[in-house]
Amino acid sequence: MIDTATFWTLTVLLGIGTFLVRFSFLGFFGRKTLPEWFVLHLKYVGVGVLPAMVTPLVLWPQATGGETEPARVIAALVTFLVALRLSVTGALIAGMGTLYLAQALF
């Protein structure tokens, strides 16, 4: 446990650091027109980050001690396929339903 003064000092310093990181990007590029190739690449950041966040949770989930569980893999595949064909909402519903059903069956 840290004392109150240290906690608030760290909180203020982290707030300043977070502000500077965000302001540096917006301050430098906020009023400038970015090159078209850069804007195009920014569109794919989310597409690149989401699989990197989800894949370890599907293949090596902490809930199973790092063991791959077929129910999670099947649910991820169903979610992916529904997302390709329908919508994000449909993918969420199909993924959750498939996960619960597969966990009940396996």
Foldseek 3Di string as FASTA:
>chain_A
DDDPVVVVVVVVVVVVVVVCVVCVVCVVPVPPDDDPVVVVVVVCPVVVVVCVVCVQCQQQNVVVVGHHDPQSVVLVVQLVVCVVPPNNVSSVVSSVVSSVVVVVVD
